[in-house]
PDB file of N, CA and C in Angstrom:
ATOM      1  N   UNK A   1      20.044  11.042  -6.135  1.00  0.00           N
ATOM      2  CA  UNK A   1      19.223  11.075  -6.027  1.00  0.00           C
ATOM      3  C   UNK A   1      18.872  11.698  -7.087  1.00  0.00           C
ATOM      4  N   UNK A   2      18.392  11.933  -8.302  1.00  0.00           N
ATOM      5  CA  UNK A   2      17.997  13.446  -8.764  1.00  0.00           C
ATOM      6  C   UNK A   2      16.352  13.649  -8.057  1.00  0.00           C
ATOM      7  N   UNK A   3      16.178  15.203  -8.830  1.00  0.00           N
ATOM      8  CA  UNK A   3      15.388  15.469  -8.530  1.00  0.00           C
ATOM      9  C   UNK A   3      13.927  14.818  -8.603  1.00  0.00           C
ATOM     10  N   UNK A   4      14.135  14.402 -10.398  1.00  0.00           N
ATOM     11  CA  UNK A   4      12.357  13.033 -10.632  1.00  0.00           C
ATOM     12  C   UNK A   4      13.063  12.100 -10.356  1.00  0.00           C
ATOM     13  N   UNK A   5      13.852  11.030  -9.769  1.00  0.00           N
ATOM     14  CA  UNK A   5      13.836  10.258  -8.818  1.00  0.00           C
ATOM     15  C   UNK A   5      13.015  10.316  -7.807  1.00  0.00           C
ATOM     16  N   UNK A   6      13.699  10.855  -7.361  1.00  0.00           N
ATOM     17  CA  UNK A   6      12.749  11.709  -5.812  1.00  0.00           C
ATOM     18  C   UNK A   6      11.221  12.143  -5.480  1.00  0.00           C
ATOM     19  N   UNK A   7      11.075  12.866  -6.673  1.00  0.00           N
ATOM     20  CA  UNK A   7       9.277  12.838  -7.323  1.00  0.00           C
ATOM     21  C   UNK A   7       8.497  11.420  -7.347  1.00  0.00           C
ATOM     22  N   UNK A   8       9.452  10.925  -8.274  1.00  0.00           N
ATOM     23  CA  UNK A   8       8.975   9.161  -8.832  1.00  0.00           C
ATOM     24  C   UNK A   8       8.830   8.311  -7.053  1.00  0.00           C
ATOM     25  N   UNK A   9       9.850   8.430  -6.486  1.00  0.00           N
ATOM     26  CA  UNK A   9       9.779   7.537  -5.196  1.00  0.00           C
ATOM     27  C   UNK A   9       8.585   8.169  -4.638  1.00  0.00           C
ATOM     28  N   UNK A  10       8.593   9.615  -4.141  1.00  0.00           N
ATOM     29  CA  UNK A  10       7.661   9.871  -3.615  1.00  0.00           C
ATOM     30  C   UNK A  10       5.554   9.313  -4.024  1.00  0.00           C
ATOM     31  N   UNK A  11       5.713   9.830  -5.121  1.00  0.00           N
ATOM     32  CA  UNK A  11       4.162   9.165  -5.782  1.00  0.00           C
ATOM     33  C   UNK A  11       4.423   7.806  -6.219  1.00  0.00           C
ATOM     34  N   UNK A  12       5.240   7.108  -5.264  1.00  0.00           N
ATOM     35  CA  UNK A  12       4.637   6.223  -5.489  1.00  0.00           C
ATOM     36  C   UNK A  12       4.399   5.206  -3.703  1.00  0.00           C
ATOM     37  N   UNK A  13       5.547   6.198  -2.811  1.00  0.00           N
ATOM     38  CA  UNK A  13       5.022   6.031  -1.263  1.00  0.00           C
ATOM     39  C   UNK A  13       3.525   6.313  -1.165  1.00  0.00           C
ATOM     40  N   UNK A  14       2.971   8.238  -1.667  1.00  0.00           N
ATOM     41  CA  UNK A  14       1.996   8.162  -1.969  1.00  0.00           C
ATOM     42  C   UNK A  14       0.430   7.130  -2.337  1.00  0.00           C
ATOM     43  N   UNK A  15       0.766   6.479  -3.407  1.00  0.00           N
ATOM     44  CA  UNK A  15       0.433   5.291  -4.115  1.00  0.00           C
ATOM     45  C   UNK A  15      -0.239   4.445  -3.368  1.00  0.00           C
ATOM     46  N   UNK A  16       1.245   3.647  -2.702  1.00  0.00           N
ATOM     47  CA  UNK A  16       1.259   2.989  -1.825  1.00  0.00           C
ATOM     48  C   UNK A  16       0.430   2.945  -0.681  1.00  0.00           C
ATOM     49  N   UNK A  17       0.759   4.081  -0.192  1.00  0.00           N
ATOM     50  CA  UNK A  17       0.065   4.052   1.835  1.00  0.00           C
ATOM     51  C   UNK A  17      -2.028   4.813   1.037  1.00  0.00           C
ATOM     52  N   UNK A  18      -2.096   5.272   0.134  1.00  0.00           N
ATOM     53  CA  UNK A  18      -3.361   5.418  -0.374  1.00  0.00           C
ATOM     54  C   UNK A  18      -3.927   3.560  -0.313  1.00  0.00           C
ATOM     55  N   UNK A  19      -3.074   3.116  -1.278  1.00  0.00           N
ATOM     56  CA  UNK A  19      -3.981   1.734  -1.096  1.00  0.00           C
ATOM     57  C   UNK A  19      -4.048   0.882   0.296  1.00  0.00           C
ATOM     58  N   UNK A  20      -2.762   0.964   0.915  1.00  0.00           N
ATOM     59  CA  UNK A  20      -2.969   0.639   1.676  1.00  0.00           C
ATOM     60  C   UNK A  20      -4.296   0.587   2.969  1.00  0.00           C
ATOM     61  N   UNK A  21      -4.567   2.399   2.515  1.00  0.00           N
ATOM     62  CA  UNK A  21      -6.029   2.771   3.569  1.00  0.00           C
ATOM     63  C   UNK A  21      -6.667   2.364   3.120  1.00  0.00           C
ATOM     64  N   UNK A  22      -6.847   2.387   1.772  1.00  0.00           N
ATOM     65  CA  UNK A  22      -8.372   1.597   0.528  1.00  0.00           C
ATOM     66  C   UNK A  22      -8.537   0.616   1.757  1.00  0.00           C
ATOM     67  N   UNK A  23      -7.169  -0.309   1.589  1.00  0.00           N
ATOM     68  CA  UNK A  23      -7.656  -2.013   1.940  1.00  0.00           C
ATOM     69  C   UNK A  23      -7.903  -2.441   2.853  1.00  0.00           C
ATOM     70  N   UNK A  24      -7.590  -1.240   4.001  1.00  0.00           N
ATOM     71  CA  UNK A  24      -8.014  -1.970   5.795  1.00  0.00           C
ATOM     72  C   UNK A  24      -8.952  -1.030   5.940  1.00  0.00           C
ATOM     73  N   UNK A  25     -10.045  -0.296   4.975  1.00  0.00           N
ATOM     74  CA  UNK A  25     -11.549   0.360   5.217  1.00  0.00           C
ATOM     75  C   UNK A  25     -11.762  -0.648   4.995  1.00  0.00           C
ATOM     76  N   UNK A  26     -11.803  -0.837   3.412  1.00  0.00           N
ATOM     77  CA  UNK A  26     -12.749  -2.785   3.122  1.00  0.00           C
ATOM     78  C   UNK A  26     -12.462  -2.876   3.535  1.00  0.00           C
ATOM     79  N   UNK A  27     -11.205  -3.752   3.955  1.00  0.00           N
ATOM     80  CA  UNK A  27     -11.917  -5.600   4.655  1.00  0.00           C
ATOM     81  C   UNK A  27     -12.580  -5.016   5.882  1.00  0.00           C
ATOM     82  N   UNK A  28     -12.784  -4.053   6.771  1.00  0.00           N
ATOM     83  CA  UNK A  28     -13.532  -3.796   8.099  1.00  0.00           C
ATOM     84  C   UNK A  28     -15.219  -3.695   7.770  1.00  0.00           C
ATOM     85  N   UNK A  29     -15.631  -3.425   6.218  1.00  0.00           N
ATOM     86  CA  UNK A  29     -16.458  -4.230   5.373  1.00  0.00           C
ATOM     87  C   UNK A  29     -16.929  -4.850   5.067  1.00  0.00           C
ATOM     88  N   UNK A  30     -15.604  -5.609   5.079  1.00  0.00           N
ATOM     89  CA  UNK A  30     -16.630  -6.920   3.613  1.00  0.00           C
ATOM     90  C   UNK A  30     -16.469  -7.582   5.347  1.00  0.00           C
ATOM     91  N   UNK A  31     -18.143  -8.562   4.656  1.00  0.00           N
ATOM     92  CA  UNK A  31     -19.044 -10.009   5.404  1.00  0.00           C
ATOM     93  C   UNK A  31     -18.219 -11.208   4.758  1.00  0.00           C
ATOM     94  N   UNK A  32     -18.139 -11.330   3.727  1.00  0.00           N
ATOM     95  CA  UNK A  32     -17.308 -12.412   3.182  1.00  0.00           C
ATOM     96  C   UNK A  32     -16.156 -12.955   4.164  1.00  0.00           C
ATOM     97  N   UNK A  33     -15.497 -14.059   4.586  1.00  0.00           N
ATOM     98  CA  UNK A  33     -14.473 -13.813   5.013  1.00  0.00           C
ATOM     99  C   UNK A  33     -13.494 -14.317   4.041  1.00  0.00           C
ATOM    100  N   UNK A  34     -13.298 -14.587   2.928  1.00  0.00           N
ATOM    101  CA  UNK A  34     -12.662 -15.449   1.987  1.00  0.00           C
ATOM    102  C   UNK A  34     -12.083 -13.738   1.409  1.00  0.00           C
ATOM    103  N   UNK A  35     -13.253 -13.201   0.871  1.00  0.00           N
ATOM    104  CA  UNK A  35     -12.916 -12.159   0.536  1.00  0.00           C
ATOM    105  C   UNK A  35     -12.104 -10.925   1.002  1.00  0.00           C
ATOM    106  N   UNK A  36     -11.836 -10.838   2.622  1.00  0.00           N
ATOM    107  CA  UNK A  36     -12.058 -10.186   3.247  1.00  0.00           C
ATOM    108  C   UNK A  36      -9.980 -10.473   4.100  1.00  0.00           C
ATOM    109  N   UNK A  37      -9.849 -11.940   3.731  1.00  0.00           N
ATOM    110  CA  UNK A  37      -9.214 -12.383   3.944  1.00  0.00           C
ATOM    111  C   UNK A  37      -8.015 -12.342   2.269  1.00  0.00           C
ATOM    112  N   UNK A  38      -9.254 -11.908   1.404  1.00  0.00           N
ATOM    113  CA  UNK A  38      -7.827 -11.290  -0.056  1.00  0.00           C
ATOM    114  C   UNK A  38      -7.406  -9.903   0.228  1.00  0.00           C
ATOM    115  N   UNK A  39      -8.062 -10.018   0.571  1.00  0.00           N
ATOM    116  CA  UNK A  39      -8.114  -7.897   0.950  1.00  0.00           C
ATOM    117  C   UNK A  39      -6.662  -7.483   1.652  1.00  0.00           C
ATOM    118  N   UNK A  40      -7.079  -8.355   2.975  1.00  0.00           N
ATOM    119  CA  UNK A  40      -5.988  -8.097   4.136  1.00  0.00           C
ATOM    120  C   UNK A  40      -4.580  -8.307   3.448  1.00  0.00           C
ATOM    121  N   UNK A  41      -4.762  -9.746   2.736  1.00  0.00           N
ATOM    122  CA  UNK A  41      -3.426 -10.056   2.272  1.00  0.00           C
ATOM    123  C   UNK A  41      -2.612  -8.987   0.861  1.00  0.00           C
ATOM    124  N   UNK A  42      -3.409  -7.918   0.064  1.00  0.00           N
ATOM    125  CA  UNK A  42      -3.297  -7.244  -0.552  1.00  0.00           C
ATOM    126  C   UNK A  42      -2.825  -6.078   0.159  1.00  0.00           C
ATOM    127  N   UNK A  43      -3.135  -5.617   1.451  1.00  0.00           N
ATOM    128  CA  UNK A  43      -3.116  -4.529   2.548  1.00  0.00           C
ATOM    129  C   UNK A  43      -1.554  -4.953   3.201  1.00  0.00           C
ATOM    130  N   UNK A  44      -1.618  -6.123   3.653  1.00  0.00           N
ATOM    131  CA  UNK A  44      -0.138  -6.473   3.655  1.00  0.00           C
ATOM    132  C   UNK A  44       0.836  -6.672   2.656  1.00  0.00           C
ATOM    133  N   UNK A  45       0.886  -6.929   1.866  1.00  0.00           N
ATOM    134  CA  UNK A  45       2.085  -6.626   0.617  1.00  0.00           C
ATOM    135  C   UNK A  45       1.807  -4.851   0.139  1.00  0.00           C
ATOM    136  N   UNK A  46       1.033  -4.157   0.084  1.00  0.00           N
ATOM    137  CA  UNK A  46       0.596  -2.516   0.782  1.00  0.00           C
ATOM    138  C   UNK A  46       1.891  -2.391   0.978  1.00  0.00           C
ATOM    139  N   UNK A  47       1.545  -3.024   2.325  1.00  0.00           N
ATOM    140  CA  UNK A  47       3.206  -2.629   3.506  1.00  0.00           C
ATOM    141  C   UNK A  47       4.379  -2.472   2.908  1.00  0.00           C
ATOM    142  N   UNK A  48       4.151  -3.784   2.395  1.00  0.00           N
ATOM    143  CA  UNK A  48       5.976  -4.049   2.401  1.00  0.00           C
ATOM    144  C   UNK A  48       6.562  -3.622   0.669  1.00  0.00           C
ATOM    145  N   UNK A  49       5.540  -3.129   0.505  1.00  0.00           N
ATOM    146  CA  UNK A  49       5.879  -2.622  -0.986  1.00  0.00           C
ATOM    147  C   UNK A  49       5.865  -1.263  -0.685  1.00  0.00           C
ATOM    148  N   UNK A  50       5.567  -0.345   0.608  1.00  0.00           N
ATOM    149  CA  UNK A  50       5.800   0.922   1.158  1.00  0.00           C
ATOM    150  C   UNK A  50       7.252   1.301   1.317  1.00  0.00           C
ATOM    151  N   UNK A  51       7.370  -0.311   2.406  1.00  0.00           N
ATOM    152  CA  UNK A  51       8.408  -0.009   3.167  1.00  0.00           C
ATOM    153  C   UNK A  51       9.218  -0.055   2.326  1.00  0.00           C
ATOM    154  N   UNK A  52       9.461  -1.445   0.854  1.00  0.00           N
ATOM    155  CA  UNK A  52      10.864  -0.897   0.412  1.00  0.00           C
ATOM    156  C   UNK A  52      11.255   0.247  -0.613  1.00  0.00           C
ATOM    157  N   UNK A  53      10.429   1.092  -1.128  1.00  0.00           N
ATOM    158  CA  UNK A  53       9.717   2.184  -1.263  1.00  0.00           C
ATOM    159  C   UNK A  53      10.551   2.734  -0.304  1.00  0.00           C
ATOM    160  N   UNK A  54      10.803   3.071   1.386  1.00  0.00           N
ATOM    161  CA  UNK A  54      11.007   3.798   2.033  1.00  0.00           C
ATOM    162  C   UNK A  54      12.225   4.093   2.168  1.00  0.00           C
ATOM    163  N   UNK A  55      12.403   2.754   1.885  1.00  0.00           N
ATOM    164  CA  UNK A  55      13.652   1.600   2.366  1.00  0.00           C
ATOM    165  C   UNK A  55      14.922   3.464   0.909  1.00  0.00           C
ATOM    166  N   UNK A  56      14.289   3.657   0.315  1.00  0.00           N
ATOM    167  CA  UNK A  56      15.341   4.000  -1.391  1.00  0.00           C
ATOM    168  C   UNK A  56      15.586   5.443  -0.533  1.00  0.00           C
ATOM    169  N   UNK A  57      14.749   5.638   0.565  1.00  0.00           N
ATOM    170  CA  UNK A  57      15.450   7.329   0.971  1.00  0.00           C
ATOM    171  C   UNK A  57      16.385   7.426   2.019  1.00  0.00           C
TER     172      UNK A  57
END
């Protein structure tokens, strides 16, 4: 893997981790159960994306 490709993967991991964190924070603050469920699903998808990117290493 080239240095540029590795930097891209590191950036992607950072972005996925940021979105996971924000989803988790937001879900704890929501009172609407439907919206909370949607944000929790987004967090789950971001965890999967993070895992796939991490697997590239």
